[in-house]
C-alpha atoms as a PDB file:
ATOM      1  CA  MET A   1      -5.047 -15.465  16.861  1.00  0.00           C
ATOM      2  CA  THR A   2      -5.422 -11.827  15.884  1.00  0.00           C
ATOM      3  CA  GLY A   3      -3.244  -9.251  14.200  1.00  0.00           C
ATOM      4  CA  SER A   4      -1.775  -6.087  15.659  1.00  0.00           C
ATOM      5  CA  ARG A   5      -1.207  -2.512  14.612  1.00  0.00           C
ATOM      6  CA  VAL A   6       0.657   0.625  15.634  1.00  0.00           C
ATOM      7  CA  VAL A   7      -1.923   3.130  16.858  1.00  0.00           C
ATOM      8  CA  ALA A   8       0.295   5.995  18.046  1.00  0.00           C
ATOM      9  CA  LEU A   9       3.859   7.244  18.129  1.00  0.00           C
ATOM     10  CA  GLY A  10       5.972   9.624  20.195  1.00  0.00           C
ATOM     11  CA  HIS A  11       9.548  10.859  20.294  1.00  0.00           C
ATOM     12  CA  TYR A  12      11.844  12.833  22.556  1.00  0.00           C
ATOM     13  CA  GLN A  13      15.322  14.363  22.301  1.00  0.00           C
ATOM     14  CA  PRO A  14      17.445  16.253  24.841  1.00  0.00           C
ATOM     15  CA  ALA A  15      17.417  20.009  24.471  1.00  0.00           C
ATOM     16  CA  LYS A  16      21.159  20.422  23.925  1.00  0.00           C
ATOM     17  CA  VAL A  17      22.112  20.538  20.235  1.00  0.00           C
ATOM     18  CA  LEU A  18      25.680  19.863  19.101  1.00  0.00           C
ATOM     19  CA  THR A  19      26.484  21.266  15.669  1.00  0.00           C
ATOM     20  CA  ASN A  20      29.288  20.291  13.335  1.00  0.00           C
ATOM     21  CA  ASP A  21      30.993  23.570  14.126  1.00  0.00           C
ATOM     22  CA  ASP A  22      30.826  22.672  17.826  1.00  0.00           C
ATOM     23  CA  LEU A  23      32.557  19.382  17.052  1.00  0.00           C
ATOM     24  CA  ALA A  24      35.178  21.173  14.977  1.00  0.00           C
ATOM     25  CA  ALA A  25      36.199  22.989  18.145  1.00  0.00           C
ATOM     26  CA  MET A  26      36.650  19.630  19.914  1.00  0.00           C
ATOM     27  CA  VAL A  27      38.379  17.427  17.308  1.00  0.00           C
ATOM     28  CA  ASP A  28      40.110  17.798  13.946  1.00  0.00           C
ATOM     29  CA  THR A  29      37.035  17.980  11.704  1.00  0.00           C
ATOM     30  CA  SER A  30      34.815  20.465   9.885  1.00  0.00           C
ATOM     31  CA  ASP A  31      31.225  20.923   8.794  1.00  0.00           C
ATOM     32  CA  GLU A  32      32.225  20.140   5.199  1.00  0.00           C
ATOM     33  CA  TRP A  33      34.092  16.969   6.213  1.00  0.00           C
ATOM     34  CA  ILE A  34      31.136  15.645   8.235  1.00  0.00           C
ATOM     35  CA  THR A  35      28.317  16.525   5.815  1.00  0.00           C
ATOM     36  CA  SER A  36      30.171  15.176   2.786  1.00  0.00           C
ATOM     37  CA  ARG A  37      30.847  11.819   4.455  1.00  0.00           C
ATOM     38  CA  VAL A  38      27.758  11.123   6.571  1.00  0.00           C
ATOM     39  CA  GLY A  39      25.252  13.922   5.860  1.00  0.00           C
ATOM     40  CA  ILE A  40      24.830  14.888   9.522  1.00  0.00           C
ATOM     41  CA  ARG A  41      24.568  18.575  10.514  1.00  0.00           C
ATOM     42  CA  THR A  42      23.367  18.436  14.128  1.00  0.00           C
ATOM     43  CA  ARG A  43      22.719  15.938  16.893  1.00  0.00           C
ATOM     44  CA  HIS A  44      21.096  16.152  20.355  1.00  0.00           C
ATOM     45  CA  VAL A  45      23.151  15.208  23.404  1.00  0.00           C
ATOM     46  CA  GLY A  46      21.803  14.527  26.873  1.00  0.00           C
ATOM     47  CA  GLY A  47      23.466  15.626  30.081  1.00  0.00           C
ATOM     48  CA  PRO A  48      24.468  13.493  33.083  1.00  0.00           C
ATOM     49  CA  ASP A  49      21.081  14.161  34.685  1.00  0.00           C
ATOM     50  CA  GLU A  50      19.187  12.724  31.682  1.00  0.00           C
ATOM     51  CA  PRO A  51      19.413   8.907  31.883  1.00  0.00           C
ATOM     52  CA  VAL A  52      18.195   6.658  29.090  1.00  0.00           C
ATOM     53  CA  ASP A  53      15.023   5.665  30.922  1.00  0.00           C
ATOM     54  CA  GLU A  54      14.062   9.333  31.250  1.00  0.00           C
ATOM     55  CA  LEU A  55      14.378   9.836  27.487  1.00  0.00           C
ATOM     56  CA  ALA A  56      12.357   6.666  26.943  1.00  0.00           C
ATOM     57  CA  ALA A  57       9.643   7.672  29.403  1.00  0.00           C
ATOM     58  CA  HIS A  58       9.161  11.077  27.741  1.00  0.00           C
ATOM     59  CA  ALA A  59       8.699   9.437  24.314  1.00  0.00           C
ATOM     60  CA  ALA A  60       6.389   6.802  25.784  1.00  0.00           C
ATOM     61  CA  ALA A  61       4.217   9.371  27.558  1.00  0.00           C
ATOM     62  CA  LYS A  62       3.808  11.242  24.273  1.00  0.00           C
ATOM     63  CA  ALA A  63       2.789   8.047  22.447  1.00  0.00           C
ATOM     64  CA  LEU A  64       0.307   7.103  25.168  1.00  0.00           C
ATOM     65  CA  ALA A  65      -1.264  10.560  25.077  1.00  0.00           C
ATOM     66  CA  SER A  66      -1.600  10.333  21.302  1.00  0.00           C
ATOM     67  CA  ALA A  67      -3.288   6.945  21.650  1.00  0.00           C
ATOM     68  CA  GLY A  68      -5.658   8.241  24.336  1.00  0.00           C
ATOM     69  CA  LEU A  69      -4.442   5.582  26.762  1.00  0.00           C
ATOM     70  CA  GLN A  70      -3.311   5.595  30.372  1.00  0.00           C
ATOM     71  CA  PRO A  71      -0.126   3.862  31.568  1.00  0.00           C
ATOM     72  CA  ALA A  72      -2.264   1.289  33.382  1.00  0.00           C
ATOM     73  CA  ASP A  73      -3.747   0.218  30.038  1.00  0.00           C
ATOM     74  CA  ILE A  74      -0.396  -1.264  28.934  1.00  0.00           C
ATOM     75  CA  ASP A  75       0.381  -4.912  29.729  1.00  0.00           C
ATOM     76  CA  LEU A  76       3.731  -5.275  27.921  1.00  0.00           C
ATOM     77  CA  VAL A  77       6.704  -2.887  27.827  1.00  0.00           C
ATOM     78  CA  LEU A  78       9.605  -3.584  25.477  1.00  0.00           C
ATOM     79  CA  VAL A  79      12.624  -1.276  25.398  1.00  0.00           C
ATOM     80  CA  ALA A  80      15.242  -1.673  22.684  1.00  0.00           C
ATOM     81  CA  THR A  81      18.544  -0.227  23.884  1.00  0.00           C
ATOM     82  CA  SER A  82      22.266  -0.940  23.904  1.00  0.00           C
ATOM     83  CA  THR A  83      23.231   1.853  26.294  1.00  0.00           C
ATOM     84  CA  ALA A  84      21.778   0.530  29.543  1.00  0.00           C
ATOM     85  CA  ILE A  85      24.754   0.634  31.914  1.00  0.00           C
ATOM     86  CA  ASP A  86      23.013  -1.205  34.764  1.00  0.00           C
ATOM     87  CA  ARG A  87      21.848  -4.771  34.304  1.00  0.00           C
ATOM     88  CA  SER A  88      18.978  -4.515  36.777  1.00  0.00           C
ATOM     89  CA  PRO A  89      16.455  -2.975  37.102  1.00  0.00           C
ATOM     90  CA  SER A  90      15.976  -3.242  33.368  1.00  0.00           C
ATOM     91  CA  MET A  91      15.303  -0.169  31.285  1.00  0.00           C
ATOM     92  CA  SER A  92      11.749  -1.373  30.644  1.00  0.00           C
ATOM     93  CA  ALA A  93      11.104  -1.800  34.379  1.00  0.00           C
ATOM     94  CA  ARG A  94      12.448   1.676  35.053  1.00  0.00           C
ATOM     95  CA  VAL A  95      10.234   3.177  32.362  1.00  0.00           C
ATOM     96  CA  ALA A  96       7.204   1.352  33.774  1.00  0.00           C
ATOM     97  CA  ALA A  97       8.015   2.738  37.225  1.00  0.00           C
ATOM     98  CA  ARG A  98       8.488   6.287  35.907  1.00  0.00           C
ATOM     99  CA  LEU A  99       5.097   6.139  34.195  1.00  0.00           C
ATOM    100  CA  GLY A 100       3.321   4.578  37.178  1.00  0.00           C
ATOM    101  CA  MET A 101       2.163   1.472  35.368  1.00  0.00           C
ATOM    102  CA  GLY A 102       0.359  -1.379  37.072  1.00  0.00           C
ATOM    103  CA  SER A 103       1.974  -4.777  36.523  1.00  0.00           C
ATOM    104  CA  PRO A 104       3.097  -5.019  32.898  1.00  0.00           C
ATOM    105  CA  ALA A 105       5.508  -7.617  31.575  1.00  0.00           C
ATOM    106  CA  VAL A 106       8.835  -5.841  31.066  1.00  0.00           C
ATOM    107  CA  MET A 107      11.691  -6.799  28.772  1.00  0.00           C
ATOM    108  CA  ASP A 108      14.786  -5.151  27.308  1.00  0.00           C
ATOM    109  CA  ILE A 109      15.977  -6.089  23.820  1.00  0.00           C
ATOM    110  CA  ASN A 110      19.573  -5.403  22.816  1.00  0.00           C
ATOM    111  CA  VAL A 111      20.057  -5.733  19.070  1.00  0.00           C
ATOM    112  CA  VAL A 112      21.708  -2.326  18.863  1.00  0.00           C
ATOM    113  CA  CYS A 113      20.623  -0.396  15.730  1.00  0.00           C
ATOM    114  CA  SER A 114      17.971  -2.913  14.658  1.00  0.00           C
ATOM    115  CA  GLY A 115      16.600  -3.187  18.177  1.00  0.00           C
ATOM    116  CA  PHE A 116      13.346  -1.324  17.585  1.00  0.00           C
ATOM    117  CA  THR A 117      12.226  -3.434  14.615  1.00  0.00           C
ATOM    118  CA  HIS A 118      13.106  -6.591  16.565  1.00  0.00           C
ATOM    119  CA  ALA A 119      11.085  -5.282  19.531  1.00  0.00           C
ATOM    120  CA  LEU A 120       8.151  -4.314  17.309  1.00  0.00           C
ATOM    121  CA  ALA A 121       8.066  -7.827  15.846  1.00  0.00           C
ATOM    122  CA  THR A 122       8.192  -9.292  19.359  1.00  0.00           C
ATOM    123  CA  ALA A 123       5.233  -7.153  20.427  1.00  0.00           C
ATOM    124  CA  ASP A 124       3.316  -8.173  17.292  1.00  0.00           C
ATOM    125  CA  HIS A 125       3.963 -11.847  18.052  1.00  0.00           C
ATOM    126  CA  ALA A 126       2.908 -11.426  21.691  1.00  0.00           C
ATOM    127  CA  VAL A 127      -0.371  -9.773  20.701  1.00  0.00           C
ATOM    128  CA  ARG A 128      -1.048 -12.348  17.983  1.00  0.00           C
ATOM    129  CA  ALA A 129      -0.469 -15.162  20.478  1.00  0.00           C
ATOM    130  CA  GLY A 130      -2.783 -13.575  23.037  1.00  0.00           C
ATOM    131  CA  ALA A 131       0.020 -12.917  25.536  1.00  0.00           C
ATOM    132  CA  ALA A 132      -0.563  -9.143  25.427  1.00  0.00           C
ATOM    133  CA  THR A 133      -3.336  -6.783  24.389  1.00  0.00           C
ATOM    134  CA  ARG A 134      -1.604  -3.380  24.462  1.00  0.00           C
ATOM    135  CA  ALA A 135       2.152  -3.045  24.200  1.00  0.00           C
ATOM    136  CA  LEU A 136       4.497  -0.112  24.502  1.00  0.00           C
ATOM    137  CA  VAL A 137       7.526  -0.511  22.234  1.00  0.00           C
ATOM    138  CA  ILE A 138      10.395   1.925  22.766  1.00  0.00           C
ATOM    139  CA  GLY A 139      13.755   2.487  21.130  1.00  0.00           C
ATOM    140  CA  ALA A 140      16.013   4.600  23.351  1.00  0.00           C
ATOM    141  CA  ASP A 141      19.745   5.173  23.332  1.00  0.00           C
ATOM    142  CA  LYS A 142      22.159   7.679  24.793  1.00  0.00           C
ATOM    143  CA  MET A 143      25.071   7.207  22.426  1.00  0.00           C
ATOM    144  CA  GLY A 144      26.835  10.264  23.819  1.00  0.00           C
ATOM    145  CA  ASP A 145      27.656   8.239  26.944  1.00  0.00           C
ATOM    146  CA  ILE A 146      29.591   5.568  25.057  1.00  0.00           C
ATOM    147  CA  VAL A 147      31.264   7.477  22.228  1.00  0.00           C
ATOM    148  CA  ASP A 148      34.904   8.561  22.370  1.00  0.00           C
ATOM    149  CA  TRP A 149      34.655  12.324  21.941  1.00  0.00           C
ATOM    150  CA  THR A 150      38.309  12.467  20.858  1.00  0.00           C
ATOM    151  CA  ASP A 151      37.765  10.080  17.922  1.00  0.00           C
ATOM    152  CA  ARG A 152      36.556  12.107  14.938  1.00  0.00           C
ATOM    153  CA  SER A 153      35.618   8.977  12.970  1.00  0.00           C
ATOM    154  CA  THR A 154      32.878   8.055  15.457  1.00  0.00           C
ATOM    155  CA  CYS A 155      31.980  11.084  17.598  1.00  0.00           C
ATOM    156  CA  VAL A 156      30.590  12.954  14.584  1.00  0.00           C
ATOM    157  CA  LEU A 157      28.021  10.201  14.032  1.00  0.00           C
ATOM    158  CA  MET A 158      26.185   9.881  17.294  1.00  0.00           C
ATOM    159  CA  GLY A 159      23.180  11.470  18.998  1.00  0.00           C
ATOM    160  CA  ASP A 160      20.764  10.754  21.856  1.00  0.00           C
ATOM    161  CA  GLY A 161      17.021  10.254  21.780  1.00  0.00           C
ATOM    162  CA  ALA A 162      14.009   7.973  22.102  1.00  0.00           C
ATOM    163  CA  GLY A 163      10.998   6.954  20.046  1.00  0.00           C
ATOM    164  CA  ALA A 164       7.960   4.963  21.109  1.00  0.00           C
ATOM    165  CA  ALA A 165       5.022   3.136  19.557  1.00  0.00           C
ATOM    166  CA  VAL A 166       1.778   1.857  21.069  1.00  0.00           C
ATOM    167  CA  VAL A 167       0.780  -1.525  19.628  1.00  0.00           C
ATOM    168  CA  THR A 168      -2.723  -2.952  20.079  1.00  0.00           C
ATOM    169  CA  ALA A 169      -4.708  -5.891  18.813  1.00  0.00           C
ATOM    170  CA  ASP A 170      -6.176  -5.525  15.331  1.00  0.00           C
ATOM    171  CA  PRO A 171      -8.904  -8.174  14.906  1.00  0.00           C
ATOM    172  CA  GLU A 172     -10.106  -6.522  11.696  1.00  0.00           C
ATOM    173  CA  GLY A 173      -6.671  -6.668  10.030  1.00  0.00           C
ATOM    174  CA  GLY A 174      -7.369  -9.796   7.993  1.00  0.00           C
ATOM    175  CA  ASP A 175      -5.380  -9.787   4.757  1.00  0.00           C
ATOM    176  CA  ASN A 176      -4.233  -6.225   5.419  1.00  0.00           C
ATOM    177  CA  PRO A 177      -2.455  -6.447   8.814  1.00  0.00           C
ATOM    178  CA  GLY A 178      -1.347  -3.351  10.615  1.00  0.00           C
ATOM    179  CA  ILE A 179       2.070  -4.906  11.224  1.00  0.00           C
ATOM    180  CA  GLY A 180       3.306  -7.203   8.482  1.00  0.00           C
ATOM    181  CA  PRO A 181       5.531 -10.282   8.828  1.00  0.00           C
ATOM    182  CA  VAL A 182       9.040  -9.636  10.058  1.00  0.00           C
ATOM    183  CA  LEU A 183      12.137 -10.712   8.185  1.00  0.00           C
ATOM    184  CA  TRP A 184      15.106 -10.801  10.507  1.00  0.00           C
ATOM    185  CA  GLY A 185      18.581 -12.289  10.671  1.00  0.00           C
ATOM    186  CA  SER A 186      22.270 -11.555  11.147  1.00  0.00           C
ATOM    187  CA  VAL A 187      25.798 -12.178   9.889  1.00  0.00           C
ATOM    188  CA  PRO A 188      27.477 -13.575  13.033  1.00  0.00           C
ATOM    189  CA  GLU A 189      30.931 -13.923  11.519  1.00  0.00           C
ATOM    190  CA  MET A 190      30.949 -10.151  10.906  1.00  0.00           C
ATOM    191  CA  GLY A 191      29.532  -9.215  14.295  1.00  0.00           C
ATOM    192  CA  ASN A 192      32.714  -7.434  15.381  1.00  0.00           C
ATOM    193  CA  ALA A 193      32.198  -4.802  12.691  1.00  0.00           C
ATOM    194  CA  VAL A 194      30.125  -2.823  15.236  1.00  0.00           C
ATOM    195  CA  ARG A 195      31.185  -2.967  18.874  1.00  0.00           C
ATOM    196  CA  ILE A 196      30.291  -1.495  22.257  1.00  0.00           C
ATOM    197  CA  GLU A 197      32.908  -2.965  24.542  1.00  0.00           C
ATOM    198  CA  GLY A 198      35.108  -2.302  27.533  1.00  0.00           C
ATOM    199  CA  THR A 199      34.857  -0.588  30.921  1.00  0.00           C
ATOM    200  CA  PRO A 200      33.676   2.074  30.506  1.00  0.00           C
ATOM    201  CA  PRO A 201      31.980   0.880  27.317  1.00  0.00           C
ATOM    202  CA  ARG A 202      33.041   2.534  24.080  1.00  0.00           C
ATOM    203  CA  PHE A 203      31.532   2.462  20.603  1.00  0.00           C
ATOM    204  CA  ALA A 204      33.700   1.441  17.640  1.00  0.00           C
ATOM    205  CA  GLN A 205      32.999   0.193  14.145  1.00  0.00           C
ATOM    206  CA  GLU A 206      34.603  -0.859  10.891  1.00  0.00           C
ATOM    207  CA  GLY A 207      32.868   1.784   8.832  1.00  0.00           C
ATOM    208  CA  GLN A 208      33.790   0.565   5.355  1.00  0.00           C
ATOM    209  CA  SER A 209      32.715  -3.024   6.117  1.00  0.00           C
ATOM    210  CA  VAL A 210      29.362  -1.826   7.420  1.00  0.00           C
ATOM    211  CA  TYR A 211      28.902   0.479   4.424  1.00  0.00           C
ATOM    212  CA  ARG A 212      29.600  -2.294   1.881  1.00  0.00           C
ATOM    213  CA  TRP A 213      27.338  -4.769   3.678  1.00  0.00           C
ATOM    214  CA  ALA A 214      24.472  -2.310   4.019  1.00  0.00           C
ATOM    215  CA  THR A 215      24.529  -0.980   0.461  1.00  0.00           C
ATOM    216  CA  THR A 216      24.997  -4.339  -1.280  1.00  0.00           C
ATOM    217  CA  GLN A 217      23.314  -6.992   0.865  1.00  0.00           C
ATOM    218  CA  LEU A 218      20.355  -5.199   2.433  1.00  0.00           C
ATOM    219  CA  PRO A 219      18.296  -3.914  -0.552  1.00  0.00           C
ATOM    220  CA  PRO A 220      17.190  -7.398  -1.729  1.00  0.00           C
ATOM    221  CA  ILE A 221      16.321  -8.333   1.861  1.00  0.00           C
ATOM    222  CA  ALA A 222      14.200  -5.185   2.174  1.00  0.00           C
ATOM    223  CA  ARG A 223      12.406  -6.042  -1.064  1.00  0.00           C
ATOM    224  CA  THR A 224      11.629  -9.477   0.375  1.00  0.00           C
ATOM    225  CA  VAL A 225      10.110  -7.758   3.425  1.00  0.00           C
ATOM    226  CA  CYS A 226       7.724  -5.998   1.035  1.00  0.00           C
ATOM    227  CA  GLU A 227       6.873  -9.270  -0.715  1.00  0.00           C
ATOM    228  CA  ARG A 228       5.999 -10.910   2.594  1.00  0.00           C
ATOM    229  CA  ALA A 229       3.654  -8.015   3.330  1.00  0.00           C
ATOM    230  CA  GLY A 230       2.012  -8.263  -0.098  1.00  0.00           C
ATOM    231  CA  VAL A 231       3.204  -4.776  -1.049  1.00  0.00           C
ATOM    232  CA  THR A 232       5.389  -3.707  -3.960  1.00  0.00           C
ATOM    233  CA  PRO A 233       8.168  -1.180  -3.335  1.00  0.00           C
ATOM    234  CA  GLU A 234       6.334   1.232  -5.642  1.00  0.00           C
ATOM    235  CA  GLU A 235       3.303   1.124  -3.320  1.00  0.00           C
ATOM    236  CA  LEU A 236       5.228   2.221  -0.241  1.00  0.00           C
ATOM    237  CA  ALA A 237       4.268   5.654   1.084  1.00  0.00           C
ATOM    238  CA  ALA A 238       7.413   5.947   3.198  1.00  0.00           C
ATOM    239  CA  VAL A 239      10.699   4.177   3.870  1.00  0.00           C
ATOM    240  CA  VAL A 240      12.209   4.517   7.337  1.00  0.00           C
ATOM    241  CA  LEU A 241      15.637   2.916   7.452  1.00  0.00           C
ATOM    242  CA  HIS A 242      17.953   2.965  10.434  1.00  0.00           C
ATOM    243  CA  GLN A 243      19.338   6.487  10.436  1.00  0.00           C
ATOM    244  CA  ALA A 244      23.016   5.522  10.322  1.00  0.00           C
ATOM    245  CA  ASN A 245      24.467   7.639   7.562  1.00  0.00           C
ATOM    246  CA  LEU A 246      22.904   9.542   4.674  1.00  0.00           C
ATOM    247  CA  ARG A 247      25.402   7.868   2.324  1.00  0.00           C
ATOM    248  CA  ILE A 248      23.851   4.518   3.311  1.00  0.00           C
ATOM    249  CA  ILE A 249      20.201   5.592   3.508  1.00  0.00           C
ATOM    250  CA  GLU A 250      19.952   7.143   0.046  1.00  0.00           C
ATOM    251  CA  PRO A 251      21.530   4.329  -2.048  1.00  0.00           C
ATOM    252  CA  VAL A 252      19.706   1.594  -0.102  1.00  0.00           C
ATOM    253  CA  ALA A 253      16.353   3.360  -0.549  1.00  0.00           C
ATOM    254  CA  ARG A 254      17.071   3.807  -4.264  1.00  0.00           C
ATOM    255  CA  LYS A 255      17.982   0.127  -4.719  1.00  0.00           C
ATOM    256  CA  ILE A 256      14.811  -0.976  -2.937  1.00  0.00           C
ATOM    257  CA  GLY A 257      12.828   0.750  -5.710  1.00  0.00           C
ATOM    258  CA  ALA A 258      10.497   2.796  -3.491  1.00  0.00           C
ATOM    259  CA  VAL A 259      10.167   5.482  -6.143  1.00  0.00           C
ATOM    260  CA  ASN A 260       6.977   7.031  -4.708  1.00  0.00           C
ATOM    261  CA  ALA A 261       7.949   6.939  -1.046  1.00  0.00           C
ATOM    262  CA  VAL A 262       8.967   9.634   1.383  1.00  0.00           C
ATOM    263  CA  ILE A 263      12.470   8.707   2.555  1.00  0.00           C
ATOM    264  CA  ALA A 264      13.180   9.490   6.209  1.00  0.00           C
ATOM    265  CA  ARG A 265      16.340  11.590   6.557  1.00  0.00           C
ATOM    266  CA  ASP A 266      16.203  12.459  10.239  1.00  0.00           C
ATOM    267  CA  VAL A 267      19.890  11.539  10.485  1.00  0.00           C
ATOM    268  CA  VAL A 268      20.685  15.027   9.149  1.00  0.00           C
ATOM    269  CA  ASP A 269      19.276  16.676  12.272  1.00  0.00           C
ATOM    270  CA  SER A 270      19.616  13.911  14.861  1.00  0.00           C
ATOM    271  CA  GLY A 271      22.661  11.841  13.953  1.00  0.00           C
ATOM    272  CA  ASN A 272      22.761   8.100  14.580  1.00  0.00           C
ATOM    273  CA  THR A 273      20.610   7.381  17.639  1.00  0.00           C
ATOM    274  CA  SER A 274      20.849   3.585  17.321  1.00  0.00           C
ATOM    275  CA  ALA A 275      17.608   1.862  18.442  1.00  0.00           C
ATOM    276  CA  ALA A 276      15.826   5.223  18.727  1.00  0.00           C
ATOM    277  CA  SER A 277      16.382   6.213  15.117  1.00  0.00           C
ATOM    278  CA  ILE A 278      13.502   4.420  13.374  1.00  0.00           C
ATOM    279  CA  PRO A 279      10.645   5.230  15.790  1.00  0.00           C
ATOM    280  CA  MET A 280      11.905   8.797  16.178  1.00  0.00           C
ATOM    281  CA  ALA A 281      12.110   9.369  12.413  1.00  0.00           C
ATOM    282  CA  LEU A 282       8.685   7.801  11.837  1.00  0.00           C
ATOM    283  CA  SER A 283       7.108   9.801  14.658  1.00  0.00           C
ATOM    284  CA  LYS A 284       8.395  13.027  13.100  1.00  0.00           C
ATOM    285  CA  LEU A 285       7.064  12.099   9.645  1.00  0.00           C
ATOM    286  CA  VAL A 286       3.622  11.438  11.121  1.00  0.00           C
ATOM    287  CA  GLU A 287       3.707  14.576  13.267  1.00  0.00           C
ATOM    288  CA  ARG A 288       4.472  16.672  10.181  1.00  0.00           C
ATOM    289  CA  GLY A 289       1.668  14.992   8.218  1.00  0.00           C
ATOM    290  CA  GLU A 290       4.004  13.623   5.547  1.00  0.00           C
ATOM    291  CA  VAL A 291       2.430  10.128   5.544  1.00  0.00           C
ATOM    292  CA  GLU A 292      -1.300   9.405   5.434  1.00  0.00           C
ATOM    293  CA  SER A 293      -2.940   7.228   8.060  1.00  0.00           C
ATOM    294  CA  GLY A 294      -3.215   3.640   6.822  1.00  0.00           C
ATOM    295  CA  ALA A 295      -0.511   4.026   4.191  1.00  0.00           C
ATOM    296  CA  PRO A 296       2.155   1.271   3.952  1.00  0.00           C
ATOM    297  CA  VAL A 297       5.516   2.154   5.488  1.00  0.00           C
ATOM    298  CA  LEU A 298       8.666   0.043   5.356  1.00  0.00           C
ATOM    299  CA  LEU A 299      10.647  -0.045   8.595  1.00  0.00           C
ATOM    300  CA  PHE A 300      14.091  -1.609   8.266  1.00  0.00           C
ATOM    301  CA  GLY A 301      16.711  -1.689  10.988  1.00  0.00           C
ATOM    302  CA  PHE A 302      20.302  -2.847  10.574  1.00  0.00           C
ATOM    303  CA  GLY A 303      23.668  -2.521  12.251  1.00  0.00           C
ATOM    304  CA  GLY A 304      25.212  -4.005  15.407  1.00  0.00           C
ATOM    305  CA  ASN A 305      25.880  -7.775  15.353  1.00  0.00           C
ATOM    306  CA  LEU A 306      25.429  -7.143  11.643  1.00  0.00           C
ATOM    307  CA  SER A 307      21.784  -7.873  12.353  1.00  0.00           C
ATOM    308  CA  TYR A 308      18.703  -6.731  10.482  1.00  0.00           C
ATOM    309  CA  ALA A 309      14.938  -6.766  10.934  1.00  0.00           C
ATOM    310  CA  GLY A 310      12.195  -5.218   8.855  1.00  0.00           C
ATOM    311  CA  GLN A 311       8.429  -5.142   8.426  1.00  0.00           C
ATOM    312  CA  VAL A 312       5.810  -3.129   6.571  1.00  0.00           C
ATOM    313  CA  ILE A 313       3.337  -1.395   8.862  1.00  0.00           C
ATOM    314  CA  ARG A 314       0.238   0.666   8.233  1.00  0.00           C
ATOM    315  CA  CYS A 315       0.854   4.240   9.317  1.00  0.00           C
ATOM    316  CA  PRO A 316      -1.146   5.220  12.422  1.00  0.00           C
END
């Protein structure tokens, strides 16, 4: 059994940008109302000719290029998404076809906002068990397709995008693995607090319930993630939480105690992109050179199903 590590990242967002002022012309809201409550200023929104698998494939191609790999080098594709309208072909199969891959194993993972960290753990386990050697892990969601654009409590939150990571075996990891142990779980009795239901599907949530759960229950769980990785919160170089709401991100990061870490705040520019938010935010931090290669980074997803999953990785 060997370890695994993230060797490259990539992200992609549609070109169209929707500002708070744009939303104010659509619903009863304002830039001040939105920024004071959720901290979001802009979000990217894809058009009808930009399906989720296209967003995912763009991010994946960027990650593969950064890793110096070809699509045929990948033997496992995992796509975390909750906005796949069709049940088959799966999003992962469609991405593999778009990229011209050979015969990878393909699997979609729907854990909504914590989907990417669940998928990353699954890839780590597959590599450790010898079931895969090079995996492509993608978080991609097109929340604009499922949001009610007449509901100001939810439409101001959402954006579209994709982020991808290339995961490979790391036989030299030893006591310092590239991807640390996952801590994951859920609160099933509160699962209805975040919903994507109906025909056509629509997003809805109990915002105050999610806020209280996230800000009170998640910080000690995140600290336990660090303990499992053998890292103290003070040693973290970066914290990348699910980009749900700046009013959740900042207090949770503070309660974790990561006093020396860069805190990802991509939500300000991208909104809540569900499963895409963590890989996209991390990819941007790395692209801007804000985190050194090899430095410990906490990834922690939370949200739909009231589920959570986190791990400490070494920055590629």
